[in-house]
N, C-alpha and C. Protein backbone atom coordinates (compact mmCIF):
# COMPACT_ATOMS: atom_id res chain seq x y z
N UNK A 1 -1.09 -15.13 5.82
CA UNK A 1 -0.39 -15.40 7.06
C UNK A 1 0.70 -16.43 6.77
N UNK A 2 1.92 -16.13 7.21
CA UNK A 2 3.02 -17.06 6.99
C UNK A 2 3.01 -18.16 8.03
N UNK A 3 3.82 -19.17 7.81
CA UNK A 3 3.92 -20.28 8.76
C UNK A 3 4.44 -19.78 10.10
N UNK A 4 5.41 -18.86 10.07
CA UNK A 4 5.96 -18.32 11.31
C UNK A 4 4.89 -17.57 12.10
N UNK A 5 4.08 -16.77 11.42
CA UNK A 5 3.00 -16.05 12.10
C UNK A 5 2.00 -17.02 12.71
N UNK A 6 1.72 -18.09 11.99
CA UNK A 6 0.79 -19.10 12.49
C UNK A 6 1.34 -19.78 13.74
N UNK A 7 2.64 -20.06 13.75
CA UNK A 7 3.25 -20.70 14.91
C UNK A 7 3.26 -19.77 16.12
N UNK A 8 3.50 -18.48 15.90
CA UNK A 8 3.47 -17.52 17.00
C UNK A 8 2.06 -17.45 17.59
N UNK A 9 1.06 -17.39 16.72
CA UNK A 9 -0.32 -17.35 17.18
C UNK A 9 -0.67 -18.62 17.97
N UNK A 10 -0.24 -19.77 17.45
CA UNK A 10 -0.51 -21.03 18.14
C UNK A 10 0.24 -21.09 19.47
N UNK A 11 1.42 -20.52 19.51
CA UNK A 11 2.19 -20.50 20.75
C UNK A 11 1.48 -19.72 21.85
N UNK A 12 0.90 -18.60 21.50
CA UNK A 12 0.15 -17.81 22.48
C UNK A 12 -1.11 -18.56 22.92
N UNK A 13 -1.73 -19.22 21.96
CA UNK A 13 -2.97 -19.94 22.26
C UNK A 13 -2.73 -21.21 23.08
N UNK A 14 -1.52 -21.75 23.00
CA UNK A 14 -1.21 -23.01 23.68
C UNK A 14 -1.35 -22.92 25.19
N UNK A 15 -1.17 -21.74 25.74
CA UNK A 15 -1.29 -21.60 27.19
C UNK A 15 -2.74 -21.64 27.65
N UNK A 16 -3.66 -21.24 26.77
CA UNK A 16 -5.08 -21.25 27.14
C UNK A 16 -5.78 -22.54 26.73
N UNK A 17 -5.46 -23.04 25.53
CA UNK A 17 -6.14 -24.21 24.97
C UNK A 17 -5.11 -25.19 24.41
N UNK A 18 -4.40 -25.94 25.26
CA UNK A 18 -3.34 -26.81 24.75
C UNK A 18 -3.85 -27.93 23.85
N UNK A 19 -5.01 -28.49 24.13
CA UNK A 19 -5.53 -29.59 23.32
C UNK A 19 -5.88 -29.12 21.91
N UNK A 20 -6.57 -28.00 21.81
CA UNK A 20 -6.94 -27.45 20.50
C UNK A 20 -5.70 -27.00 19.73
N UNK A 21 -4.73 -26.44 20.44
CA UNK A 21 -3.49 -26.02 19.79
C UNK A 21 -2.75 -27.21 19.23
N UNK A 22 -2.68 -28.29 19.99
CA UNK A 22 -2.00 -29.50 19.51
C UNK A 22 -2.67 -30.02 18.25
N UNK A 23 -3.98 -30.02 18.22
CA UNK A 23 -4.69 -30.48 17.02
C UNK A 23 -4.39 -29.58 15.83
N UNK A 24 -4.32 -28.27 16.07
CA UNK A 24 -4.02 -27.34 14.98
C UNK A 24 -2.59 -27.50 14.47
N UNK A 25 -1.64 -27.71 15.39
CA UNK A 25 -0.24 -27.90 14.98
C UNK A 25 -0.11 -29.17 14.14
N UNK A 26 -0.78 -30.22 14.54
CA UNK A 26 -0.73 -31.47 13.76
C UNK A 26 -1.39 -31.28 12.40
N UNK A 27 -2.40 -30.43 12.34
CA UNK A 27 -3.10 -30.21 11.07
C UNK A 27 -2.28 -29.36 10.09
N UNK A 28 -1.22 -28.69 10.57
CA UNK A 28 -0.40 -27.89 9.68
C UNK A 28 0.35 -28.74 8.66
N UNK A 29 0.54 -30.00 8.97
CA UNK A 29 1.15 -30.91 8.02
C UNK A 29 2.65 -30.73 7.83
N UNK A 30 3.38 -30.64 8.92
CA UNK A 30 4.83 -30.56 8.80
C UNK A 30 5.37 -31.85 8.20
N UNK A 31 6.33 -31.74 7.30
CA UNK A 31 6.90 -32.97 6.75
C UNK A 31 7.74 -33.70 7.80
N UNK A 32 7.74 -35.01 7.74
CA UNK A 32 8.49 -35.80 8.72
C UNK A 32 9.99 -35.55 8.62
N UNK A 33 10.45 -35.15 7.44
CA UNK A 33 11.87 -34.87 7.26
C UNK A 33 12.31 -33.64 8.04
N UNK A 34 11.38 -32.80 8.44
CA UNK A 34 11.71 -31.58 9.17
C UNK A 34 11.83 -31.82 10.68
N UNK A 35 11.45 -32.99 11.15
CA UNK A 35 11.46 -33.24 12.60
C UNK A 35 12.88 -33.30 13.16
N UNK A 36 13.79 -33.98 12.48
CA UNK A 36 15.16 -34.11 12.99
C UNK A 36 15.85 -32.75 13.08
N UNK A 37 15.82 -31.92 12.03
CA UNK A 37 16.42 -30.59 12.18
C UNK A 37 15.73 -29.73 13.24
N UNK A 38 14.42 -29.86 13.37
CA UNK A 38 13.69 -29.08 14.39
C UNK A 38 14.11 -29.53 15.78
N UNK A 39 14.24 -30.84 15.98
CA UNK A 39 14.69 -31.36 17.27
C UNK A 39 16.10 -30.87 17.56
N UNK A 40 16.96 -30.92 16.57
CA UNK A 40 18.34 -30.46 16.76
C UNK A 40 18.37 -28.97 17.11
N UNK A 41 17.55 -28.19 16.46
CA UNK A 41 17.49 -26.75 16.75
C UNK A 41 17.03 -26.48 18.18
N UNK A 42 16.00 -27.18 18.61
CA UNK A 42 15.49 -26.98 19.97
C UNK A 42 16.54 -27.41 20.99
N UNK A 43 17.23 -28.50 20.72
CA UNK A 43 18.27 -28.97 21.65
C UNK A 43 19.42 -27.97 21.72
N UNK A 44 19.87 -27.48 20.58
CA UNK A 44 20.98 -26.52 20.56
C UNK A 44 20.60 -25.24 21.30
N UNK A 45 19.41 -24.74 21.07
CA UNK A 45 18.98 -23.52 21.77
C UNK A 45 18.87 -23.77 23.27
N UNK A 46 18.38 -24.92 23.66
CA UNK A 46 18.29 -25.25 25.09
C UNK A 46 19.68 -25.31 25.73
N UNK A 47 20.63 -25.90 25.03
CA UNK A 47 21.99 -25.99 25.57
C UNK A 47 22.64 -24.61 25.62
N UNK A 48 22.41 -23.79 24.61
CA UNK A 48 22.97 -22.43 24.63
C UNK A 48 22.41 -21.61 25.79
N UNK A 49 21.12 -21.75 26.05
CA UNK A 49 20.53 -21.04 27.19
C UNK A 49 21.09 -21.57 28.51
N UNK A 50 21.33 -22.86 28.56
CA UNK A 50 21.93 -23.44 29.75
C UNK A 50 23.36 -22.92 29.95
N UNK A 51 24.10 -22.78 28.85
CA UNK A 51 25.46 -22.25 28.94
C UNK A 51 25.44 -20.80 29.43
N UNK A 52 24.49 -20.03 28.95
CA UNK A 52 24.36 -18.65 29.41
C UNK A 52 24.01 -18.60 30.90
N UNK A 53 23.16 -19.51 31.31
CA UNK A 53 22.79 -19.58 32.72
C UNK A 53 23.99 -20.00 33.58
N UNK A 54 24.83 -20.89 33.05
CA UNK A 54 26.02 -21.32 33.78
C UNK A 54 27.02 -20.19 33.97
N UNK A 55 27.03 -19.23 33.05
CA UNK A 55 27.93 -18.08 33.20
C UNK A 55 27.48 -17.18 34.35
N UNK A 56 26.18 -17.11 34.57
CA UNK A 56 25.66 -16.26 35.64
C UNK A 56 25.88 -16.92 37.00
N UNK A 57 25.43 -18.16 37.11
CA UNK A 57 25.62 -18.91 38.36
C UNK A 57 26.16 -20.29 38.00
N UNK A 58 27.39 -20.58 38.33
CA UNK A 58 27.97 -21.88 37.99
C UNK A 58 27.21 -23.02 38.66
N UNK A 59 27.01 -24.12 37.93
CA UNK A 59 26.29 -25.26 38.51
C UNK A 59 27.18 -26.02 39.49
N UNK A 60 26.57 -26.75 40.44
CA UNK A 60 27.39 -27.52 41.39
C UNK A 60 28.14 -28.67 40.71
N UNK A 61 27.54 -29.26 39.68
CA UNK A 61 28.19 -30.35 38.94
C UNK A 61 28.28 -29.91 37.49
N UNK A 62 29.48 -29.92 36.95
CA UNK A 62 29.67 -29.49 35.58
C UNK A 62 29.55 -30.69 34.64
N UNK A 63 28.71 -30.57 33.65
CA UNK A 63 28.54 -31.59 32.62
C UNK A 63 28.85 -30.93 31.28
N UNK A 64 29.49 -31.68 30.40
CA UNK A 64 29.84 -31.08 29.12
C UNK A 64 28.57 -30.78 28.34
N UNK A 65 28.65 -29.76 27.50
CA UNK A 65 27.48 -29.35 26.75
C UNK A 65 27.11 -30.38 25.69
N UNK A 66 28.09 -31.10 25.20
CA UNK A 66 27.79 -32.17 24.25
C UNK A 66 26.98 -33.27 24.93
N UNK A 67 27.39 -33.65 26.13
CA UNK A 67 26.63 -34.67 26.88
C UNK A 67 25.23 -34.18 27.22
N UNK A 68 25.13 -32.89 27.55
CA UNK A 68 23.82 -32.33 27.85
C UNK A 68 22.92 -32.39 26.63
N UNK A 69 23.46 -32.04 25.46
CA UNK A 69 22.67 -32.09 24.23
C UNK A 69 22.25 -33.51 23.92
N UNK A 70 23.16 -34.45 24.10
CA UNK A 70 22.84 -35.86 23.86
C UNK A 70 21.75 -36.34 24.82
N UNK A 71 21.86 -35.95 26.07
CA UNK A 71 20.86 -36.33 27.06
C UNK A 71 19.49 -35.75 26.74
N UNK A 72 19.46 -34.51 26.32
CA UNK A 72 18.19 -33.87 25.97
C UNK A 72 17.55 -34.57 24.77
N UNK A 73 18.37 -34.90 23.77
CA UNK A 73 17.83 -35.61 22.59
C UNK A 73 17.28 -36.97 22.96
N UNK A 74 18.01 -37.69 23.82
CA UNK A 74 17.54 -39.01 24.25
C UNK A 74 16.23 -38.88 25.02
N UNK A 75 16.14 -37.90 25.89
CA UNK A 75 14.92 -37.70 26.68
C UNK A 75 13.75 -37.35 25.77
N UNK A 76 13.97 -36.44 24.82
CA UNK A 76 12.90 -36.05 23.91
C UNK A 76 12.38 -37.23 23.10
N UNK A 77 13.29 -37.99 22.50
CA UNK A 77 12.85 -39.10 21.66
C UNK A 77 12.21 -40.20 22.49
N UNK A 78 12.79 -40.49 23.65
CA UNK A 78 12.20 -41.52 24.52
C UNK A 78 10.82 -41.12 25.01
N UNK A 79 10.69 -39.88 25.43
CA UNK A 79 9.42 -39.36 25.91
C UNK A 79 8.36 -39.41 24.81
N UNK A 80 8.75 -38.99 23.62
CA UNK A 80 7.80 -38.99 22.50
C UNK A 80 7.39 -40.40 22.11
N UNK A 81 8.34 -41.31 22.12
CA UNK A 81 8.02 -42.70 21.80
C UNK A 81 7.10 -43.29 22.86
N UNK A 82 7.38 -43.01 24.13
CA UNK A 82 6.53 -43.53 25.22
C UNK A 82 5.12 -42.96 25.13
N UNK A 83 5.00 -41.68 24.85
CA UNK A 83 3.67 -41.06 24.72
C UNK A 83 2.89 -41.72 23.59
N UNK A 84 3.55 -41.95 22.46
CA UNK A 84 2.88 -42.58 21.31
C UNK A 84 2.43 -44.00 21.65
N UNK A 85 3.28 -44.75 22.33
CA UNK A 85 2.93 -46.14 22.65
C UNK A 85 1.82 -46.22 23.70
N UNK A 86 1.89 -45.38 24.72
CA UNK A 86 0.83 -45.37 25.74
C UNK A 86 -0.49 -44.93 25.11
N UNK A 87 -0.42 -43.95 24.22
CA UNK A 87 -1.63 -43.52 23.53
C UNK A 87 -2.25 -44.63 22.71
N UNK A 88 -1.41 -45.41 22.02
CA UNK A 88 -1.93 -46.54 21.24
C UNK A 88 -2.55 -47.59 22.14
N UNK A 89 -1.94 -47.84 23.30
CA UNK A 89 -2.48 -48.83 24.23
C UNK A 89 -3.83 -48.38 24.79
N UNK A 90 -4.04 -47.08 24.83
CA UNK A 90 -5.30 -46.55 25.34
C UNK A 90 -6.32 -46.29 24.24
N UNK A 91 -6.00 -46.74 23.02
CA UNK A 91 -6.95 -46.63 21.92
C UNK A 91 -6.76 -45.42 21.03
N UNK A 92 -5.67 -44.69 21.21
CA UNK A 92 -5.43 -43.50 20.40
C UNK A 92 -4.90 -43.85 19.02
N UNK A 93 -4.83 -42.85 18.17
CA UNK A 93 -4.38 -43.06 16.80
C UNK A 93 -3.13 -42.25 16.48
N UNK A 94 -2.51 -41.62 17.47
CA UNK A 94 -1.33 -40.82 17.25
C UNK A 94 -0.12 -41.68 16.90
N UNK A 95 0.88 -41.04 16.31
CA UNK A 95 2.09 -41.74 15.91
C UNK A 95 3.29 -41.10 16.61
N UNK A 96 4.43 -41.77 16.49
CA UNK A 96 5.66 -41.23 17.06
C UNK A 96 6.02 -39.87 16.46
N UNK A 97 5.97 -39.71 15.13
CA UNK A 97 6.28 -38.37 14.58
C UNK A 97 5.33 -37.27 15.10
N UNK A 98 4.07 -37.62 15.30
CA UNK A 98 3.13 -36.63 15.84
C UNK A 98 3.51 -36.22 17.26
N UNK A 99 3.83 -37.21 18.09
CA UNK A 99 4.18 -36.88 19.47
C UNK A 99 5.52 -36.14 19.53
N UNK A 100 6.45 -36.47 18.64
CA UNK A 100 7.72 -35.76 18.60
C UNK A 100 7.51 -34.31 18.15
N UNK A 101 6.65 -34.11 17.17
CA UNK A 101 6.34 -32.75 16.71
C UNK A 101 5.74 -31.91 17.84
N UNK A 102 4.83 -32.49 18.58
CA UNK A 102 4.21 -31.74 19.67
C UNK A 102 5.21 -31.46 20.79
N UNK A 103 6.09 -32.41 21.08
CA UNK A 103 7.12 -32.17 22.10
C UNK A 103 8.05 -31.05 21.67
N UNK A 104 8.44 -31.05 20.41
CA UNK A 104 9.30 -29.99 19.89
C UNK A 104 8.57 -28.65 19.92
N UNK A 105 7.32 -28.64 19.51
CA UNK A 105 6.55 -27.40 19.49
C UNK A 105 6.41 -26.81 20.89
N UNK A 106 6.02 -27.63 21.85
CA UNK A 106 5.82 -27.11 23.19
C UNK A 106 7.14 -26.72 23.85
N UNK A 107 8.23 -27.42 23.54
CA UNK A 107 9.53 -27.01 24.06
C UNK A 107 9.94 -25.67 23.44
N UNK A 108 9.68 -25.50 22.16
CA UNK A 108 10.00 -24.24 21.50
C UNK A 108 9.22 -23.07 22.10
N UNK A 109 8.01 -23.35 22.56
CA UNK A 109 7.22 -22.31 23.22
C UNK A 109 7.80 -21.98 24.60
N UNK A 110 8.22 -23.00 25.32
CA UNK A 110 8.68 -22.78 26.69
C UNK A 110 10.11 -22.25 26.77
N UNK A 111 10.89 -22.34 25.71
CA UNK A 111 12.26 -21.82 25.74
C UNK A 111 12.26 -20.31 26.02
N UNK A 112 11.50 -19.52 25.29
CA UNK A 112 11.53 -18.07 25.60
C UNK A 112 10.91 -17.73 26.95
N UNK A 113 9.98 -18.53 27.38
CA UNK A 113 9.32 -18.25 28.66
C UNK A 113 10.28 -18.50 29.78
């Protein structure tokens, strides 16, 4: 089974068992160097889908796609950092890269949906 097949299987399972899926994704051992390109890919795909949606129905307020991408990246990193810190305050052992990986994974699942 390839890594891509494993991610597809985990993506389907994430809707039924999100906690177990998160543990399995973390156990795959993604290198930390892959997080930045993965985040960039998810952001670019999100912005492209937003641009396609804007062609169908124009938004009431137009924001540049660069600003949108920057905003999405800031939200992702801030959210992941906050999750990691709150988890540590509650006695957890997760790290910022772990929470960022899970945020990227779950966003990648929800993009096609």
